[in-house]
PDB file of N, CA and C in Angstrom:
ATOM      1  N   MET A   1       7.170  16.564 -20.673  1.00  0.00           N
ATOM      2  CA  MET A   1       6.024  16.731 -20.871  1.00  0.00           C
ATOM      3  C   MET A   1       5.070  17.809 -20.447  1.00  0.00           C
ATOM      4  N   ILE A   2       4.872  19.054 -21.304  1.00  0.00           N
ATOM      5  CA  ILE A   2       4.209  20.164 -20.606  1.00  0.00           C
ATOM      6  C   ILE A   2       2.776  20.073 -21.236  1.00  0.00           C
ATOM      7  N   LEU A   3       1.871  20.341 -20.351  1.00  0.00           N
ATOM      8  CA  LEU A   3       0.358  19.768 -20.953  1.00  0.00           C
ATOM      9  C   LEU A   3      -0.247  21.515 -20.452  1.00  0.00           C
ATOM     10  N   THR A   4      -1.163  21.820 -21.050  1.00  0.00           N
ATOM     11  CA  THR A   4      -1.817  23.209 -20.859  1.00  0.00           C
ATOM     12  C   THR A   4      -3.384  22.924 -20.526  1.00  0.00           C
ATOM     13  N   MET A   5      -4.097  23.826 -19.424  1.00  0.00           N
ATOM     14  CA  MET A   5      -4.920  23.713 -19.339  1.00  0.00           C
ATOM     15  C   MET A   5      -5.614  25.340 -18.943  1.00  0.00           C
ATOM     16  N   HIS A   6      -6.625  25.509 -20.322  1.00  0.00           N
ATOM     17  CA  HIS A   6      -6.758  26.841 -20.415  1.00  0.00           C
ATOM     18  C   HIS A   6      -6.054  27.822 -20.608  1.00  0.00           C
ATOM     19  N   GLY A   7      -4.921  27.126 -21.631  1.00  0.00           N
ATOM     20  CA  GLY A   7      -3.723  28.169 -21.668  1.00  0.00           C
ATOM     21  C   GLY A   7      -2.241  28.286 -20.644  1.00  0.00           C
ATOM     22  N   ILE A   8      -2.928  27.395 -19.421  1.00  0.00           N
ATOM     23  CA  ILE A   8      -1.555  27.844 -18.268  1.00  0.00           C
ATOM     24  C   ILE A   8      -0.761  26.629 -18.741  1.00  0.00           C
ATOM     25  N   PRO A   9       0.176  26.401 -18.556  1.00  0.00           N
ATOM     26  CA  PRO A   9       1.091  24.978 -18.722  1.00  0.00           C
ATOM     27  C   PRO A   9       1.166  24.813 -17.070  1.00  0.00           C
ATOM     28  N   PHE A  10       0.846  23.200 -16.966  1.00  0.00           N
ATOM     29  CA  PHE A  10       1.073  22.740 -15.834  1.00  0.00           C
ATOM     30  C   PHE A  10       1.807  21.436 -16.030  1.00  0.00           C
ATOM     31  N   ALA A  11       2.789  21.048 -14.624  1.00  0.00           N
ATOM     32  CA  ALA A  11       4.046  19.946 -15.456  1.00  0.00           C
ATOM     33  C   ALA A  11       3.109  18.717 -14.724  1.00  0.00           C
ATOM     34  N   THR A  12       2.985  17.348 -15.125  1.00  0.00           N
ATOM     35  CA  THR A  12       2.474  16.371 -14.535  1.00  0.00           C
ATOM     36  C   THR A  12       3.192  15.090 -14.296  1.00  0.00           C
ATOM     37  N   SER A  13       3.028  14.223 -13.515  1.00  0.00           N
ATOM     38  CA  SER A  13       3.381  13.055 -13.808  1.00  0.00           C
ATOM     39  C   SER A  13       3.229  11.852 -14.103  1.00  0.00           C
ATOM     40  N   LEU A  14       2.786  12.118 -15.767  1.00  0.00           N
ATOM     41  CA  LEU A  14       2.458  10.686 -16.393  1.00  0.00           C
ATOM     42  C   LEU A  14       3.654  10.172 -16.528  1.00  0.00           C
ATOM     43  N   LEU A  15       2.599   8.342 -16.669  1.00  0.00           N
ATOM     44  CA  LEU A  15       3.936   7.416 -16.751  1.00  0.00           C
ATOM     45  C   LEU A  15       3.807   6.853 -18.198  1.00  0.00           C
ATOM     46  N   PHE A  16       4.374   6.673 -18.776  1.00  0.00           N
ATOM     47  CA  PHE A  16       4.129   5.953 -20.185  1.00  0.00           C
ATOM     48  C   PHE A  16       4.257   4.189 -19.847  1.00  0.00           C
ATOM     49  N   GLU A  17       3.730   3.718 -20.272  1.00  0.00           N
ATOM     50  CA  GLU A  17       3.466   2.116 -20.218  1.00  0.00           C
ATOM     51  C   GLU A  17       3.826   1.635 -21.476  1.00  0.00           C
ATOM     52  N   LYS A  18       4.158  -0.174 -21.382  1.00  0.00           N
ATOM     53  CA  LYS A  18       4.768  -0.486 -22.738  1.00  0.00           C
ATOM     54  C   LYS A  18       3.370  -0.672 -23.423  1.00  0.00           C
ATOM     55  N   ARG A  19       2.500  -0.608 -23.182  1.00  0.00           N
ATOM     56  CA  ARG A  19       0.989  -0.551 -24.235  1.00  0.00           C
ATOM     57  C   ARG A  19       1.001   0.926 -24.867  1.00  0.00           C
ATOM     58  N   ASN A  20       1.940   1.750 -24.646  1.00  0.00           N
ATOM     59  CA  ASN A  20       1.922   2.888 -25.449  1.00  0.00           C
ATOM     60  C   ASN A  20       0.700   3.831 -25.467  1.00  0.00           C
ATOM     61  N   PHE A  21       0.276   4.011 -23.908  1.00  0.00           N
ATOM     62  CA  PHE A  21      -0.476   5.134 -23.543  1.00  0.00           C
ATOM     63  C   PHE A  21      -0.265   6.118 -22.576  1.00  0.00           C
ATOM     64  N   TRP A  22      -0.940   6.915 -22.366  1.00  0.00           N
ATOM     65  CA  TRP A  22      -0.518   7.589 -20.646  1.00  0.00           C
ATOM     66  C   TRP A  22      -1.240   6.988 -19.901  1.00  0.00           C
ATOM     67  N   ARG A  23      -0.893   7.331 -18.923  1.00  0.00           N
ATOM     68  CA  ARG A  23      -1.915   7.350 -17.610  1.00  0.00           C
ATOM     69  C   ARG A  23      -1.415   8.048 -16.311  1.00  0.00           C
ATOM     70  N   TRP A  24      -2.222   8.678 -15.316  1.00  0.00           N
ATOM     71  CA  TRP A  24      -1.886   8.673 -14.425  1.00  0.00           C
ATOM     72  C   TRP A  24      -1.742   7.912 -13.087  1.00  0.00           C
ATOM     73  N   PRO A  25      -0.571   8.152 -12.240  1.00  0.00           N
ATOM     74  CA  PRO A  25      -0.069   7.802 -11.255  1.00  0.00           C
ATOM     75  C   PRO A  25      -1.301   7.542 -10.571  1.00  0.00           C
ATOM     76  N   MET A  26      -1.634   6.344 -10.020  1.00  0.00           N
ATOM     77  CA  MET A  26      -2.946   6.242  -9.220  1.00  0.00           C
ATOM     78  C   MET A  26      -2.458   5.607  -7.530  1.00  0.00           C
ATOM     79  N   SER A  27      -3.521   5.931  -6.630  1.00  0.00           N
ATOM     80  CA  SER A  27      -3.186   5.249  -5.312  1.00  0.00           C
ATOM     81  C   SER A  27      -4.518   4.769  -4.405  1.00  0.00           C
ATOM     82  N   ARG A  28      -3.913   3.765  -3.765  1.00  0.00           N
ATOM     83  CA  ARG A  28      -5.047   3.175  -3.118  1.00  0.00           C
ATOM     84  C   ARG A  28      -5.118   2.940  -1.396  1.00  0.00           C
ATOM     85  N   SER A  29      -6.064   3.282  -0.587  1.00  0.00           N
ATOM     86  CA  SER A  29      -5.918   3.149   0.939  1.00  0.00           C
ATOM     87  C   SER A  29      -6.688   2.314   1.152  1.00  0.00           C
ATOM     88  N   ILE A  30      -6.085   0.922   1.616  1.00  0.00           N
ATOM     89  CA  ILE A  30      -6.911   0.245   2.962  1.00  0.00           C
ATOM     90  C   ILE A  30      -7.179   0.034   4.018  1.00  0.00           C
ATOM     91  N   ARG A  31      -7.763   0.410   4.678  1.00  0.00           N
ATOM     92  CA  ARG A  31      -8.090   0.482   5.849  1.00  0.00           C
ATOM     93  C   ARG A  31      -8.075  -0.620   6.941  1.00  0.00           C
ATOM     94  N   PHE A  32      -7.485  -1.331   7.842  1.00  0.00           N
ATOM     95  CA  PHE A  32      -7.708  -2.239   8.899  1.00  0.00           C
ATOM     96  C   PHE A  32      -8.473  -1.531  10.360  1.00  0.00           C
ATOM     97  N   GLU A  33      -9.378  -1.877  11.067  1.00  0.00           N
ATOM     98  CA  GLU A  33     -10.044  -1.335  11.994  1.00  0.00           C
ATOM     99  C   GLU A  33      -9.983  -2.644  13.232  1.00  0.00           C
ATOM    100  N   ASN A  34     -10.115  -2.138  14.111  1.00  0.00           N
ATOM    101  CA  ASN A  34      -9.425  -2.886  15.652  1.00  0.00           C
ATOM    102  C   ASN A  34      -9.013  -3.914  15.632  1.00  0.00           C
ATOM    103  N   GLU A  35      -8.626  -5.074  15.201  1.00  0.00           N
ATOM    104  CA  GLU A  35      -7.807  -6.214  15.237  1.00  0.00           C
ATOM    105  C   GLU A  35      -7.605  -6.423  13.607  1.00  0.00           C
ATOM    106  N   LEU A  36      -6.441  -6.538  13.355  1.00  0.00           N
ATOM    107  CA  LEU A  36      -5.796  -7.328  12.305  1.00  0.00           C
ATOM    108  C   LEU A  36      -5.272  -8.663  12.646  1.00  0.00           C
ATOM    109  N   THR A  37      -5.770  -9.346  11.762  1.00  0.00           N
ATOM    110  CA  THR A  37      -5.222 -10.941  12.162  1.00  0.00           C
ATOM    111  C   THR A  37      -5.039 -11.489  10.705  1.00  0.00           C
ATOM    112  N   ILE A  38      -4.757 -12.732  10.803  1.00  0.00           N
ATOM    113  CA  ILE A  38      -4.554 -13.565   9.725  1.00  0.00           C
ATOM    114  C   ILE A  38      -6.174 -13.739   9.140  1.00  0.00           C
ATOM    115  N   HIS A  39      -6.731 -14.167   9.774  1.00  0.00           N
ATOM    116  CA  HIS A  39      -8.342 -13.933   9.309  1.00  0.00           C
ATOM    117  C   HIS A  39      -8.987 -13.095   8.641  1.00  0.00           C
ATOM    118  N   LYS A  40      -8.432 -11.397   9.128  1.00  0.00           N
ATOM    119  CA  LYS A  40      -8.853 -10.193   8.240  1.00  0.00           C
ATOM    120  C   LYS A  40      -8.437 -10.333   6.977  1.00  0.00           C
ATOM    121  N   ILE A  41      -6.954 -10.678   7.369  1.00  0.00           N
ATOM    122  CA  ILE A  41      -6.219 -10.243   5.649  1.00  0.00           C
ATOM    123  C   ILE A  41      -6.611 -11.066   5.167  1.00  0.00           C
ATOM    124  N   SER A  42      -6.630 -12.765   5.130  1.00  0.00           N
ATOM    125  CA  SER A  42      -7.098 -13.785   4.171  1.00  0.00           C
ATOM    126  C   SER A  42      -8.423 -13.120   3.569  1.00  0.00           C
ATOM    127  N   GLU A  43      -9.151 -13.061   4.439  1.00  0.00           N
ATOM    128  CA  GLU A  43     -10.632 -12.204   3.772  1.00  0.00           C
ATOM    129  C   GLU A  43      -9.780 -11.267   2.522  1.00  0.00           C
ATOM    130  N   ASN A  44      -9.251 -10.099   2.988  1.00  0.00           N
ATOM    131  CA  ASN A  44      -9.023  -9.172   1.696  1.00  0.00           C
ATOM    132  C   ASN A  44      -7.633  -9.474   0.924  1.00  0.00           C
ATOM    133  N   ILE A  45      -7.267 -10.275   1.015  1.00  0.00           N
ATOM    134  CA  ILE A  45      -6.327 -10.714  -0.046  1.00  0.00           C
ATOM    135  C   ILE A  45      -6.677 -10.382  -1.662  1.00  0.00           C
ATOM    136  N   PRO A  46      -7.586 -10.577  -2.425  1.00  0.00           N
ATOM    137  CA  PRO A  46      -8.232 -10.222  -3.152  1.00  0.00           C
ATOM    138  C   PRO A  46      -7.936  -8.655  -3.347  1.00  0.00           C
ATOM    139  N   ILE A  47      -8.441  -8.132  -2.493  1.00  0.00           N
ATOM    140  CA  ILE A  47      -8.648  -6.510  -2.558  1.00  0.00           C
ATOM    141  C   ILE A  47      -6.713  -5.863  -2.796  1.00  0.00           C
ATOM    142  N   LEU A  48      -6.034  -6.756  -1.856  1.00  0.00           N
ATOM    143  CA  LEU A  48      -4.752  -5.973  -1.699  1.00  0.00           C
ATOM    144  C   LEU A  48      -4.236  -6.657  -2.878  1.00  0.00           C
ATOM    145  N   SER A  49      -4.075  -7.809  -3.448  1.00  0.00           N
ATOM    146  CA  SER A  49      -3.877  -8.186  -4.545  1.00  0.00           C
ATOM    147  C   SER A  49      -4.000  -7.416  -5.727  1.00  0.00           C
ATOM    148  N   ASP A  50      -5.551  -7.178  -5.767  1.00  0.00           N
ATOM    149  CA  ASP A  50      -5.523  -6.245  -6.952  1.00  0.00           C
ATOM    150  C   ASP A  50      -5.094  -4.864  -6.716  1.00  0.00           C
ATOM    151  N   ALA A  51      -5.103  -4.462  -5.591  1.00  0.00           N
ATOM    152  CA  ALA A  51      -4.502  -3.141  -5.521  1.00  0.00           C
ATOM    153  C   ALA A  51      -2.732  -2.814  -5.594  1.00  0.00           C
ATOM    154  N   LEU A  52      -2.314  -3.862  -5.452  1.00  0.00           N
ATOM    155  CA  LEU A  52      -0.535  -4.278  -5.745  1.00  0.00           C
ATOM    156  C   LEU A  52      -0.500  -3.979  -7.124  1.00  0.00           C
ATOM    157  N   ASN A  53      -1.468  -4.821  -7.723  1.00  0.00           N
ATOM    158  CA  ASN A  53      -1.281  -5.211  -9.322  1.00  0.00           C
ATOM    159  C   ASN A  53      -1.822  -3.785 -10.100  1.00  0.00           C
ATOM    160  N   THR A  54      -2.930  -3.142  -9.399  1.00  0.00           N
ATOM    161  CA  THR A  54      -3.338  -2.099 -10.296  1.00  0.00           C
ATOM    162  C   THR A  54      -2.823  -0.661 -10.208  1.00  0.00           C
ATOM    163  N   TRP A  55      -2.387  -0.451  -8.774  1.00  0.00           N
ATOM    164  CA  TRP A  55      -2.159   1.224  -8.450  1.00  0.00           C
ATOM    165  C   TRP A  55      -0.892   1.036  -8.168  1.00  0.00           C
ATOM    166  N   ASP A  56       0.071   2.567  -8.305  1.00  0.00           N
ATOM    167  CA  ASP A  56       1.369   2.417  -8.444  1.00  0.00           C
ATOM    168  C   ASP A  56       1.787   2.650  -6.928  1.00  0.00           C
ATOM    169  N   SER A  57       0.713   3.225  -6.008  1.00  0.00           N
ATOM    170  CA  SER A  57       1.198   3.459  -4.681  1.00  0.00           C
ATOM    171  C   SER A  57      -0.272   2.818  -4.118  1.00  0.00           C
ATOM    172  N   VAL A  58       0.054   2.115  -2.442  1.00  0.00           N
ATOM    173  CA  VAL A  58      -0.850   1.157  -1.662  1.00  0.00           C
ATOM    174  C   VAL A  58      -0.803   2.031  -0.383  1.00  0.00           C
ATOM    175  N   THR A  59      -0.845   2.323   0.358  1.00  0.00           N
ATOM    176  CA  THR A  59      -1.328   2.729   1.743  1.00  0.00           C
ATOM    177  C   THR A  59      -2.119   1.739   2.342  1.00  0.00           C
ATOM    178  N   ILE A  60      -1.560   0.852   3.468  1.00  0.00           N
ATOM    179  CA  ILE A  60      -2.226   0.028   4.846  1.00  0.00           C
ATOM    180  C   ILE A  60      -2.057   0.999   5.729  1.00  0.00           C
ATOM    181  N   ASP A  61      -3.492   1.072   6.224  1.00  0.00           N
ATOM    182  CA  ASP A  61      -3.807   1.801   7.379  1.00  0.00           C
ATOM    183  C   ASP A  61      -4.275   1.242   8.214  1.00  0.00           C
ATOM    184  N   ILE A  62      -3.360   1.022   9.665  1.00  0.00           N
ATOM    185  CA  ILE A  62      -3.429   0.263  10.502  1.00  0.00           C
ATOM    186  C   ILE A  62      -3.506   1.471  11.805  1.00  0.00           C
ATOM    187  N   MET A  63      -3.951   2.347  11.612  1.00  0.00           N
ATOM    188  CA  MET A  63      -3.782   3.559  12.466  1.00  0.00           C
ATOM    189  C   MET A  63      -4.829   3.206  14.112  1.00  0.00           C
ATOM    190  N   ASN A  64      -6.057   2.541  13.224  1.00  0.00           N
ATOM    191  CA  ASN A  64      -7.073   2.140  14.087  1.00  0.00           C
ATOM    192  C   ASN A  64      -6.888   0.772  15.005  1.00  0.00           C
ATOM    193  N   VAL A  65      -5.779   0.039  14.657  1.00  0.00           N
ATOM    194  CA  VAL A  65      -6.055  -1.234  15.201  1.00  0.00           C
ATOM    195  C   VAL A  65      -5.089  -1.228  16.512  1.00  0.00           C
ATOM    196  N   ARG A  66      -5.856  -2.112  17.246  1.00  0.00           N
ATOM    197  CA  ARG A  66      -5.262  -2.250  19.082  1.00  0.00           C
ATOM    198  C   ARG A  66      -4.737  -3.658  19.067  1.00  0.00           C
ATOM    199  N   LYS A  67      -5.341  -4.835  18.126  1.00  0.00           N
ATOM    200  CA  LYS A  67      -4.467  -6.050  18.506  1.00  0.00           C
ATOM    201  C   LYS A  67      -3.818  -6.769  17.008  1.00  0.00           C
ATOM    202  N   MET A  68      -3.152  -6.778  16.810  1.00  0.00           N
ATOM    203  CA  MET A  68      -2.365  -7.482  15.617  1.00  0.00           C
ATOM    204  C   MET A  68      -1.781  -9.063  16.067  1.00  0.00           C
ATOM    205  N   ASP A  69      -2.012 -10.048  15.372  1.00  0.00           N
ATOM    206  CA  ASP A  69      -1.047 -11.333  15.204  1.00  0.00           C
ATOM    207  C   ASP A  69       0.045 -10.931  14.845  1.00  0.00           C
ATOM    208  N   VAL A  70       0.923 -12.188  14.733  1.00  0.00           N
ATOM    209  CA  VAL A  70       2.080 -12.115  14.361  1.00  0.00           C
ATOM    210  C   VAL A  70       2.265 -12.775  12.947  1.00  0.00           C
ATOM    211  N   ALA A  71       1.096 -13.792  12.419  1.00  0.00           N
ATOM    212  CA  ALA A  71       1.001 -13.982  11.050  1.00  0.00           C
ATOM    213  C   ALA A  71       0.589 -12.691  10.461  1.00  0.00           C
ATOM    214  N   ALA A  72      -0.237 -11.777  10.851  1.00  0.00           N
ATOM    215  CA  ALA A  72      -0.634 -10.615   9.903  1.00  0.00           C
ATOM    216  C   ALA A  72       0.757  -9.964   9.785  1.00  0.00           C
ATOM    217  N   VAL A  73       1.439  -9.768  10.487  1.00  0.00           N
ATOM    218  CA  VAL A  73       2.491  -9.216  10.408  1.00  0.00           C
ATOM    219  C   VAL A  73       3.218  -9.689   9.590  1.00  0.00           C
ATOM    220  N   GLN A  74       3.534 -11.245   9.061  1.00  0.00           N
ATOM    221  CA  GLN A  74       4.200 -11.849   8.189  1.00  0.00           C
ATOM    222  C   GLN A  74       3.539 -11.802   6.709  1.00  0.00           C
ATOM    223  N   MET A  75       2.204 -11.738   6.375  1.00  0.00           N
ATOM    224  CA  MET A  75       1.786 -11.159   5.412  1.00  0.00           C
ATOM    225  C   MET A  75       2.011  -9.732   5.193  1.00  0.00           C
ATOM    226  N   LEU A  76       2.148  -8.659   6.394  1.00  0.00           N
ATOM    227  CA  LEU A  76       2.217  -7.514   5.502  1.00  0.00           C
ATOM    228  C   LEU A  76       3.728  -7.315   5.093  1.00  0.00           C
ATOM    229  N   ILE A  77       4.373  -7.927   6.088  1.00  0.00           N
ATOM    230  CA  ILE A  77       6.180  -8.278   5.125  1.00  0.00           C
ATOM    231  C   ILE A  77       6.032  -9.121   3.846  1.00  0.00           C
ATOM    232  N   ALA A  78       5.289  -9.707   3.774  1.00  0.00           N
ATOM    233  CA  ALA A  78       5.232 -10.370   2.020  1.00  0.00           C
ATOM    234  C   ALA A  78       4.745  -9.548   1.125  1.00  0.00           C
ATOM    235  N   ALA A  79       3.654  -8.362   1.842  1.00  0.00           N
ATOM    236  CA  ALA A  79       2.921  -7.719   0.683  1.00  0.00           C
ATOM    237  C   ALA A  79       4.305  -6.213   0.442  1.00  0.00           C
ATOM    238  N   LYS A  80       5.019  -6.444   1.238  1.00  0.00           N
ATOM    239  CA  LYS A  80       6.082  -5.250   1.213  1.00  0.00           C
ATOM    240  C   LYS A  80       6.901  -5.597   0.182  1.00  0.00           C
ATOM    241  N   LYS A  81       7.686  -7.048   0.334  1.00  0.00           N
ATOM    242  CA  LYS A  81       8.252  -7.740  -0.584  1.00  0.00           C
ATOM    243  C   LYS A  81       7.791  -7.890  -1.674  1.00  0.00           C
ATOM    244  N   GLU A  82       6.558  -8.073  -2.118  1.00  0.00           N
ATOM    245  CA  GLU A  82       5.764  -8.507  -3.368  1.00  0.00           C
ATOM    246  C   GLU A  82       5.760  -6.548  -3.942  1.00  0.00           C
ATOM    247  N   SER A  83       5.355  -5.600  -3.453  1.00  0.00           N
ATOM    248  CA  SER A  83       5.807  -4.221  -3.786  1.00  0.00           C
ATOM    249  C   SER A  83       7.112  -4.106  -4.564  1.00  0.00           C
ATOM    250  N   GLN A  84       7.891  -4.364  -3.405  1.00  0.00           N
ATOM    251  CA  GLN A  84       9.263  -3.752  -4.199  1.00  0.00           C
ATOM    252  C   GLN A  84       9.493  -4.636  -5.104  1.00  0.00           C
ATOM    253  N   LYS A  85       9.573  -5.672  -5.147  1.00  0.00           N
ATOM    254  CA  LYS A  85       9.546  -6.671  -6.435  1.00  0.00           C
ATOM    255  C   LYS A  85       9.013  -6.288  -7.960  1.00  0.00           C
ATOM    256  N   THR A  86       7.868  -5.960  -7.546  1.00  0.00           N
ATOM    257  CA  THR A  86       7.214  -5.590  -8.929  1.00  0.00           C
ATOM    258  C   THR A  86       7.310  -3.929  -9.254  1.00  0.00           C
ATOM    259  N   GLY A  87       8.390  -2.508  -8.359  1.00  0.00           N
ATOM    260  CA  GLY A  87       8.583  -1.680  -8.484  1.00  0.00           C
ATOM    261  C   GLY A  87       7.320  -0.718  -7.998  1.00  0.00           C
ATOM    262  N   LYS A  88       6.157  -1.274  -7.298  1.00  0.00           N
ATOM    263  CA  LYS A  88       4.948  -0.463  -6.453  1.00  0.00           C
ATOM    264  C   LYS A  88       5.645   0.032  -5.261  1.00  0.00           C
ATOM    265  N   GLU A  89       4.829   0.837  -4.590  1.00  0.00           N
ATOM    266  CA  GLU A  89       5.179   1.685  -3.374  1.00  0.00           C
ATOM    267  C   GLU A  89       4.144   1.035  -2.483  1.00  0.00           C
ATOM    268  N   LEU A  90       4.299   0.457  -1.163  1.00  0.00           N
ATOM    269  CA  LEU A  90       3.794   0.109  -0.293  1.00  0.00           C
ATOM    270  C   LEU A  90       3.774   0.533   0.984  1.00  0.00           C
ATOM    271  N   THR A  91       2.938   1.523   1.496  1.00  0.00           N
ATOM    272  CA  THR A  91       3.273   2.503   2.902  1.00  0.00           C
ATOM    273  C   THR A  91       2.359   1.505   4.051  1.00  0.00           C
ATOM    274  N   VAL A  92       2.897   1.523   5.288  1.00  0.00           N
ATOM    275  CA  VAL A  92       2.017   1.137   6.083  1.00  0.00           C
ATOM    276  C   VAL A  92       2.079   2.119   7.149  1.00  0.00           C
ATOM    277  N   ARG A  93       0.555   2.716   7.685  1.00  0.00           N
ATOM    278  CA  ARG A  93       0.581   3.537   8.795  1.00  0.00           C
ATOM    279  C   ARG A  93       0.585   3.036  10.008  1.00  0.00           C
ATOM    280  N   PHE A  94       1.091   3.039  10.766  1.00  0.00           N
ATOM    281  CA  PHE A  94       1.117   2.542  12.098  1.00  0.00           C
ATOM    282  C   PHE A  94      -0.011   2.716  13.460  1.00  0.00           C
ATOM    283  N   SER A  95      -0.621   2.322  14.008  1.00  0.00           N
ATOM    284  CA  SER A  95      -1.121   2.565  15.566  1.00  0.00           C
ATOM    285  C   SER A  95       0.496   2.183  16.464  1.00  0.00           C
ATOM    286  N   ALA A  96       0.187   2.683  17.615  1.00  0.00           N
ATOM    287  CA  ALA A  96       0.879   2.789  18.687  1.00  0.00           C
ATOM    288  C   ALA A  96       0.816   1.043  19.173  1.00  0.00           C
ATOM    289  N   ALA A  97      -0.140   0.688  19.244  1.00  0.00           N
ATOM    290  CA  ALA A  97      -0.288  -0.935  19.316  1.00  0.00           C
ATOM    291  C   ALA A  97       0.868  -1.828  18.489  1.00  0.00           C
ATOM    292  N   ALA A  98       0.527  -1.588  17.499  1.00  0.00           N
ATOM    293  CA  ALA A  98       1.270  -1.880  15.973  1.00  0.00           C
ATOM    294  C   ALA A  98       2.781  -1.675  16.038  1.00  0.00           C
ATOM    295  N   THR A  99       3.149  -0.437  16.639  1.00  0.00           N
ATOM    296  CA  THR A  99       4.407  -0.210  16.702  1.00  0.00           C
ATOM    297  C   THR A  99       4.849  -0.802  18.136  1.00  0.00           C
ATOM    298  N   ASP A 100       4.454  -1.192  18.729  1.00  0.00           N
ATOM    299  CA  ASP A 100       4.987  -1.733  20.167  1.00  0.00           C
ATOM    300  C   ASP A 100       5.072  -3.213  19.858  1.00  0.00           C
ATOM    301  N   LEU A 101       4.209  -3.837  19.130  1.00  0.00           N
ATOM    302  CA  LEU A 101       4.419  -4.916  18.679  1.00  0.00           C
ATOM    303  C   LEU A 101       5.498  -5.556  17.653  1.00  0.00           C
ATOM    304  N   LEU A 102       5.664  -4.484  16.587  1.00  0.00           N
ATOM    305  CA  LEU A 102       6.903  -4.764  15.841  1.00  0.00           C
ATOM    306  C   LEU A 102       7.963  -4.660  16.582  1.00  0.00           C
ATOM    307  N   THR A 103       8.103  -3.667  17.410  1.00  0.00           N
ATOM    308  CA  THR A 103       9.293  -3.192  18.196  1.00  0.00           C
ATOM    309  C   THR A 103       9.651  -4.452  19.317  1.00  0.00           C
ATOM    310  N   LEU A 104       8.709  -5.157  19.648  1.00  0.00           N
ATOM    311  CA  LEU A 104       8.919  -6.440  20.618  1.00  0.00           C
ATOM    312  C   LEU A 104       9.507  -7.402  19.618  1.00  0.00           C
ATOM    313  N   ILE A 105       8.605  -7.621  18.324  1.00  0.00           N
ATOM    314  CA  ILE A 105       9.629  -8.813  17.679  1.00  0.00           C
ATOM    315  C   ILE A 105      10.578  -8.732  16.451  1.00  0.00           C
ATOM    316  N   GLY A 106      10.786  -7.203  16.497  1.00  0.00           N
ATOM    317  CA  GLY A 106      12.216  -6.660  15.685  1.00  0.00           C
ATOM    318  C   GLY A 106      12.126  -6.390  14.505  1.00  0.00           C
ATOM    319  N   VAL A 107      10.727  -6.128  14.154  1.00  0.00           N
ATOM    320  CA  VAL A 107      10.409  -5.869  12.746  1.00  0.00           C
ATOM    321  C   VAL A 107      10.407  -4.552  12.564  1.00  0.00           C
ATOM    322  N   ARG A 108      10.930  -4.150  11.128  1.00  0.00           N
ATOM    323  CA  ARG A 108      11.053  -2.881  10.597  1.00  0.00           C
ATOM    324  C   ARG A 108      10.477  -2.818   9.469  1.00  0.00           C
ATOM    325  N   LEU A 109       8.955  -2.119   9.364  1.00  0.00           N
ATOM    326  CA  LEU A 109       8.559  -2.337   8.022  1.00  0.00           C
ATOM    327  C   LEU A 109       8.440  -0.738   7.605  1.00  0.00           C
TER     328      LEU A 109
END
């Protein structure tokens, strides 16, 4: 589909839904700071769940996280699998501390 704006054509990446309307692909970013624990993730499950159900692309930013627990990593793995199952894109941006922990336990997201 080619749309025009002020007579100038531009390409779009519109997605057609089963409900027969066009919508723009959307993305959402969720940021965690300092610590990423199971408690922090459980507090934000409604936000994460809503983001995975609503947006086409979700980015979880843990660049400023200094401490993580293994249960939080398990929740990230579950969120990644859920997004793959529903056809959504989940991207996780890691800090150095998070990368070290994931390497230590042998997990690759």
